[in-house]
Amino acid sequence: MIKLDLEDFLPYRLNRASTAVSQAFRTVYGPHHDLTIPEWRVLATLGQFDEMGAKAIGAHSSMHKTKVSRAVRALEERRWLRRRESQEDRREEILSLSPLGRQAYDDIVPRALAFEARLMSSLGPDASALIRALDKLSR
């Protein structure tokens, strides 16, 4: 019988690495703003693109629609985002950050970039090879 050695199986290793980095990164936005990972992803996506529908946020951030919906609701309860009806599709709402949401995003971004710089630095000269490999995998 053939057995799979998970510790050496690339998809498993990528998933574990992703989880570890995501959990470590949560220290950047979690304690200061009490955000969950999905809430951060919605906030970051809207911060980057200004406005977007929930379906597009889910596709961009690789999140299931229920996670996006819960995150949107939580951010809306904080008054960190706004909704408006889409002109193209009346069934969809377009989301954007409110001034409070933009303020939180603007507070987190410098710390997020510093986290990324520390992570890249810890990889040393292997960092650029990893980025190229991730680009290939993403395609």
C-alpha atoms as a PDB file:
ATOM      1  CA  MET A   1       0.000   0.000   0.000  1.00  0.00           C
ATOM      2  CA  ILE A   2       1.244   3.497  -0.865  1.00  0.00           C
ATOM      3  CA  LYS A   3       1.097   6.047   1.938  1.00  0.00           C
ATOM      4  CA  LEU A   4       1.182   9.796   1.674  1.00  0.00           C
ATOM      5  CA  ASP A   5       3.768  11.513   3.864  1.00  0.00           C
ATOM      6  CA  LEU A   6       1.846  14.713   4.630  1.00  0.00           C
ATOM      7  CA  GLU A   7       4.854  16.514   6.085  1.00  0.00           C
ATOM      8  CA  ASP A   8       6.553  16.322   2.664  1.00  0.00           C
ATOM      9  CA  PHE A   9       3.396  16.748   0.528  1.00  0.00           C
ATOM     10  CA  LEU A  10       3.573  20.185  -1.117  1.00  0.00           C
ATOM     11  CA  PRO A  11      -0.161  21.109  -0.918  1.00  0.00           C
ATOM     12  CA  TYR A  12      -0.166  20.251   2.785  1.00  0.00           C
ATOM     13  CA  ARG A  13       3.032  22.223   3.408  1.00  0.00           C
ATOM     14  CA  LEU A  14       1.707  25.251   1.533  1.00  0.00           C
ATOM     15  CA  ASN A  15      -1.514  25.155   3.544  1.00  0.00           C
ATOM     16  CA  ARG A  16       0.361  24.906   6.846  1.00  0.00           C
ATOM     17  CA  ALA A  17       2.705  27.732   5.880  1.00  0.00           C
ATOM     18  CA  SER A  18      -0.248  29.882   4.833  1.00  0.00           C
ATOM     19  CA  THR A  19      -2.040  29.235   8.116  1.00  0.00           C
ATOM     20  CA  ALA A  20       1.080  30.002  10.154  1.00  0.00           C
ATOM     21  CA  VAL A  21       1.727  33.280   8.335  1.00  0.00           C
ATOM     22  CA  SER A  22      -1.941  34.274   8.500  1.00  0.00           C
ATOM     23  CA  GLN A  23      -2.077  33.642  12.248  1.00  0.00           C
ATOM     24  CA  ALA A  24       1.167  35.558  12.821  1.00  0.00           C
ATOM     25  CA  PHE A  25      -0.119  38.415  10.668  1.00  0.00           C
ATOM     26  CA  ARG A  26      -3.279  38.586  12.765  1.00  0.00           C
ATOM     27  CA  THR A  27      -1.124  40.115  15.527  1.00  0.00           C
ATOM     28  CA  VAL A  28      -0.823  43.170  13.258  1.00  0.00           C
ATOM     29  CA  TYR A  29      -4.545  43.952  13.019  1.00  0.00           C
ATOM     30  CA  GLY A  30      -6.254  41.759  15.621  1.00  0.00           C
ATOM     31  CA  PRO A  31      -5.217  43.276  18.946  1.00  0.00           C
ATOM     32  CA  HIS A  32      -5.495  46.892  17.786  1.00  0.00           C
ATOM     33  CA  HIS A  33      -8.780  46.614  15.925  1.00  0.00           C
ATOM     34  CA  ASP A  34     -10.285  43.318  17.108  1.00  0.00           C
ATOM     35  CA  LEU A  35     -10.739  42.018  13.561  1.00  0.00           C
ATOM     36  CA  THR A  36     -11.141  38.439  12.442  1.00  0.00           C
ATOM     37  CA  ILE A  37      -9.217  37.165   9.426  1.00  0.00           C
ATOM     38  CA  PRO A  38     -12.272  37.451   7.102  1.00  0.00           C
ATOM     39  CA  GLU A  39     -13.019  40.971   8.399  1.00  0.00           C
ATOM     40  CA  TRP A  40      -9.436  41.995   7.699  1.00  0.00           C
ATOM     41  CA  ARG A  41      -9.605  40.541   4.184  1.00  0.00           C
ATOM     42  CA  VAL A  42     -12.795  42.461   3.397  1.00  0.00           C
ATOM     43  CA  LEU A  43     -11.345  45.664   4.877  1.00  0.00           C
ATOM     44  CA  ALA A  44      -8.082  45.223   2.944  1.00  0.00           C
ATOM     45  CA  THR A  45      -9.851  44.459  -0.331  1.00  0.00           C
ATOM     46  CA  LEU A  46     -12.083  47.517  -0.065  1.00  0.00           C
ATOM     47  CA  GLY A  47      -9.099  49.595   1.037  1.00  0.00           C
ATOM     48  CA  GLN A  48      -7.231  48.559  -2.093  1.00  0.00           C
ATOM     49  CA  PHE A  49     -10.065  48.767  -4.640  1.00  0.00           C
ATOM     50  CA  ASP A  50     -12.289  51.463  -3.032  1.00  0.00           C
ATOM     51  CA  GLU A  51     -15.550  49.703  -3.870  1.00  0.00           C
ATOM     52  CA  MET A  52     -16.660  46.235  -4.828  1.00  0.00           C
ATOM     53  CA  GLY A  53     -19.560  43.822  -4.557  1.00  0.00           C
ATOM     54  CA  ALA A  54     -19.510  40.984  -2.031  1.00  0.00           C
ATOM     55  CA  LYS A  55     -19.160  38.337  -4.768  1.00  0.00           C
ATOM     56  CA  ALA A  56     -16.077  40.064  -6.148  1.00  0.00           C
ATOM     57  CA  ILE A  57     -14.603  40.377  -2.652  1.00  0.00           C
ATOM     58  CA  GLY A  58     -15.091  36.651  -2.149  1.00  0.00           C
ATOM     59  CA  ALA A  59     -13.443  35.849  -5.471  1.00  0.00           C
ATOM     60  CA  HIS A  60     -10.526  38.204  -4.846  1.00  0.00           C
ATOM     61  CA  SER A  61      -9.873  36.978  -1.305  1.00  0.00           C
ATOM     62  CA  SER A  62     -10.732  33.297  -1.907  1.00  0.00           C
ATOM     63  CA  MET A  63     -13.411  33.346   0.777  1.00  0.00           C
ATOM     64  CA  HIS A  64     -16.751  31.575   0.788  1.00  0.00           C
ATOM     65  CA  LYS A  65     -19.755  33.862   0.456  1.00  0.00           C
ATOM     66  CA  THR A  66     -20.961  33.140   4.013  1.00  0.00           C
ATOM     67  CA  LYS A  67     -17.625  34.288   5.460  1.00  0.00           C
ATOM     68  CA  VAL A  68     -17.747  37.421   3.339  1.00  0.00           C
ATOM     69  CA  SER A  69     -21.338  38.070   4.393  1.00  0.00           C
ATOM     70  CA  ARG A  70     -20.529  37.718   8.105  1.00  0.00           C
ATOM     71  CA  ALA A  71     -17.469  39.922   7.771  1.00  0.00           C
ATOM     72  CA  VAL A  72     -19.426  42.575   5.877  1.00  0.00           C
ATOM     73  CA  ARG A  73     -22.147  42.522   8.519  1.00  0.00           C
ATOM     74  CA  ALA A  74     -19.583  42.875  11.338  1.00  0.00           C
ATOM     75  CA  LEU A  75     -17.829  45.781   9.607  1.00  0.00           C
ATOM     76  CA  GLU A  76     -21.179  47.420   8.906  1.00  0.00           C
ATOM     77  CA  GLU A  77     -22.128  47.133  12.596  1.00  0.00           C
ATOM     78  CA  ARG A  78     -18.935  49.044  13.415  1.00  0.00           C
ATOM     79  CA  ARG A  79     -19.903  51.602  10.764  1.00  0.00           C
ATOM     80  CA  TRP A  80     -16.694  50.821   8.854  1.00  0.00           C
ATOM     81  CA  LEU A  81     -18.381  50.285   5.510  1.00  0.00           C
ATOM     82  CA  ARG A  82     -21.207  51.590   3.381  1.00  0.00           C
ATOM     83  CA  ARG A  83     -23.562  49.914   0.935  1.00  0.00           C
ATOM     84  CA  ARG A  84     -25.161  51.292  -2.187  1.00  0.00           C
ATOM     85  CA  GLU A  85     -27.258  49.672  -4.867  1.00  0.00           C
ATOM     86  CA  SER A  86     -25.407  48.592  -7.994  1.00  0.00           C
ATOM     87  CA  GLN A  87     -26.430  50.423 -11.160  1.00  0.00           C
ATOM     88  CA  GLU A  88     -25.601  47.346 -13.278  1.00  0.00           C
ATOM     89  CA  ASP A  89     -27.354  44.715 -11.140  1.00  0.00           C
ATOM     90  CA  ARG A  90     -30.112  45.781  -8.757  1.00  0.00           C
ATOM     91  CA  ARG A  91     -29.680  42.504  -6.811  1.00  0.00           C
ATOM     92  CA  GLU A  92     -26.148  43.420  -5.820  1.00  0.00           C
ATOM     93  CA  GLU A  93     -24.879  46.058  -3.463  1.00  0.00           C
ATOM     94  CA  ILE A  94     -21.594  47.873  -3.890  1.00  0.00           C
ATOM     95  CA  LEU A  95     -19.533  48.122  -0.722  1.00  0.00           C
ATOM     96  CA  SER A  96     -17.012  50.791   0.222  1.00  0.00           C
ATOM     97  CA  LEU A  97     -15.212  51.890   3.355  1.00  0.00           C
ATOM     98  CA  SER A  98     -16.713  54.627   5.480  1.00  0.00           C
ATOM     99  CA  PRO A  99     -14.381  57.308   6.901  1.00  0.00           C
ATOM    100  CA  LEU A 100     -14.043  55.173  10.074  1.00  0.00           C
ATOM    101  CA  GLY A 101     -13.186  52.110   8.013  1.00  0.00           C
ATOM    102  CA  ARG A 102     -10.681  54.075   5.938  1.00  0.00           C
ATOM    103  CA  GLN A 103      -9.080  55.348   9.154  1.00  0.00           C
ATOM    104  CA  ALA A 104      -8.690  51.773  10.457  1.00  0.00           C
ATOM    105  CA  TYR A 105      -7.287  50.623   7.109  1.00  0.00           C
ATOM    106  CA  ASP A 106      -4.835  53.524   7.011  1.00  0.00           C
ATOM    107  CA  ASP A 107      -3.731  52.657  10.556  1.00  0.00           C
ATOM    108  CA  ILE A 108      -3.111  48.990   9.718  1.00  0.00           C
ATOM    109  CA  VAL A 109      -1.358  49.321   6.338  1.00  0.00           C
ATOM    110  CA  PRO A 110       2.026  50.616   7.602  1.00  0.00           C
ATOM    111  CA  ARG A 111       2.160  47.805  10.179  1.00  0.00           C
ATOM    112  CA  ALA A 112       1.149  45.281   7.513  1.00  0.00           C
ATOM    113  CA  LEU A 113       3.960  46.454   5.247  1.00  0.00           C
ATOM    114  CA  ALA A 114       6.431  46.293   8.149  1.00  0.00           C
ATOM    115  CA  PHE A 115       5.276  42.721   8.874  1.00  0.00           C
ATOM    116  CA  GLU A 116       5.833  41.795   5.236  1.00  0.00           C
ATOM    117  CA  ALA A 117       9.298  43.384   5.281  1.00  0.00           C
ATOM    118  CA  ARG A 118      10.258  41.370   8.400  1.00  0.00           C
ATOM    119  CA  LEU A 119       8.944  38.184   6.795  1.00  0.00           C
ATOM    120  CA  MET A 120      10.847  38.826   3.576  1.00  0.00           C
ATOM    121  CA  SER A 121      13.982  39.683   5.541  1.00  0.00           C
ATOM    122  CA  SER A 122      13.733  36.431   7.498  1.00  0.00           C
ATOM    123  CA  LEU A 123      13.798  34.553   4.180  1.00  0.00           C
ATOM    124  CA  GLY A 124      17.022  36.275   3.172  1.00  0.00           C
ATOM    125  CA  PRO A 125      18.209  35.740  -0.406  1.00  0.00           C
ATOM    126  CA  ASP A 126      15.583  33.005  -0.896  1.00  0.00           C
ATOM    127  CA  ALA A 127      12.750  35.566  -0.765  1.00  0.00           C
ATOM    128  CA  SER A 128      12.748  36.440  -4.465  1.00  0.00           C
ATOM    129  CA  ALA A 129      12.804  32.757  -5.475  1.00  0.00           C
ATOM    130  CA  LEU A 130       9.817  32.113  -3.209  1.00  0.00           C
ATOM    131  CA  ILE A 131       7.887  35.021  -4.731  1.00  0.00           C
ATOM    132  CA  ARG A 132       8.583  33.716  -8.245  1.00  0.00           C
ATOM    133  CA  ALA A 133       7.473  30.214  -7.203  1.00  0.00           C
ATOM    134  CA  LEU A 134       4.266  31.584  -5.675  1.00  0.00           C
ATOM    135  CA  ASP A 135       3.582  33.526  -8.872  1.00  0.00           C
ATOM    136  CA  LYS A 136       3.949  30.310 -10.881  1.00  0.00           C
ATOM    137  CA  LEU A 137       1.650  28.409  -8.529  1.00  0.00           C
ATOM    138  CA  SER A 138      -0.954  31.166  -8.676  1.00  0.00           C
ATOM    139  CA  ARG A 139      -1.067  30.972 -12.466  1.00  0.00           C
END
